[in-house]
Amino acid sequence: MSEIRIEKGGKLTLPPAVARMLEAQHLRLSSYSTNHLLLETTTGADKVLMTGLLNAGGIVDLLSFFNMFRKSGMLHFLLAGGNKTLCFQNGEIVYAVSTFPEEEIGEILYSLGKFDRETLQGARQFANGELPLGKILVDQQVIDAKDLWAATKNQVETIVYNLFAFQEGSFVFIDKPLAEDEVVSLSMNTQNLIMEGLRRVDERALYMHKVKSLDAIPVATDKVPNDLDSVSQKMVAMIQAGVGSVKELLRRSGSGEFDAIKLLSQLVERGVVSMEEAPTVKVEGVLGEVVNIFNGVLVAMHKVVSAKNPQFREEVSCFMRDLPQPFSYVFRQTTLKDDGSVDGGRVLANLAGLEEGDKLRLLSESLSELIYMECIAARRELGAADSAELIKRVQEVSQRVQDLIGQRDD
């Protein structure tokens, strides 16, 4: 978290992201001591029942507490890389939402092998961030209502299970009755979710030790035991056919990430499959040139603005995390380097499966969003006069990228 100082006279300057969130709202002082300060908004009747920092084992204690005392409300988590919210009704988790791209309903359905990347991108463009993606997919008969219900349950379970990997972060519990649309009948038991989440964290680490990474390449060996069950035989057949990375294998298996990783690790342990390192994604061609052009500006922005605001890199990372789809998927698992640039190989890997024209368009639009945000921050931190040269360079870069795209179209 960013360090904040209370200046003489009681003036409190909040980080820009926090200030934007609370802009124009009235606050009241609810609690304070020599070690903390709690400010709450005065709008609405919702109350902060509990807030604090996470530490090792904190997730288990929190979920058990709200379950034991049959609380109803919203438990928000602010974590490295994203936010999560669990909805409780009488102590049971009935729904959950997340800003982590891999926990979005479209990505869950994709990971279960329900459709390909092109279908998902098309549905997202149709939704335009306004319509429910799941409903669109059902209306377009890409999936049926049963698929959506199963994926929603899988989504909530995934959001909860992935929580247990976090040892740091912050949380706040808002004591409030849930709205009708926040209560989903998914038949889940909070204590079972806790036990399963703990088991998965421990066992996943063991499985990944054999699998290496989700980007690694599984390769079939000459050893094929006669006692493989049908699910294992299907996985071996996909590997023999050259399915590609572990990530793609898990998606096509349709078994869910955890169960598929477990099965793959068992095949590796038995010598049926070996693992090869993932090939380096080359940043070349027009796509690579676009990345390099934008990275030049990002590095220049970072160097100048960070001198005024040491939290600038953190602010930009939060912005990347909170971008809507499809931009958030472009930056999935992508962090800013120390010099403020993005990992071009990771970004291009996220675009795999799209047509070249779609890759170029989505790449330039996503990086333009990032650059635009940094221009706003530069003007805020440096002032209009001192930021003018940087912004002029951005305009030149935008024109250069447009020229490249125009040449490509010709």
Foldseek 3Di string as FASTA:
>chain_A
DDDWDQDPPRDTDDDPVVCVVCPPFDWDFDDDDPVDTDIDTPPDDKDWPDKDKFAQPRLVVVLVVCLVQQAFFWKWWFAVLWIKIFTGGGSFTQAMDILAVCLQLLNLCQLLVLDDPVVSVVLCVVCVVPHDSLVSCCVVVSDHPVSSLVSRLVSRLVRLLVVNVDRITMMITIRDHDDPVSGHPNPDGSVVSSVVSVVLVVVVVVLCVQQVDQLKQKAFDPDDDPPDDPLLVVLLVCSPVPQHGNSSSSSNSSPDDSVSSVSVSVCSVVVRIHIGGHDFQDLDDLNNVLLVLLQVLQLVLCVPLCVQPVCVQVVLSVVLSNDDPPLVLLCNVWGADPSRGIDSRSSVVSVPPDDPLVSLVSSNVSSLVSSVVSLVSCCVRPNDVVSVVSVVSVVVSNVVSVVSSVVVVD
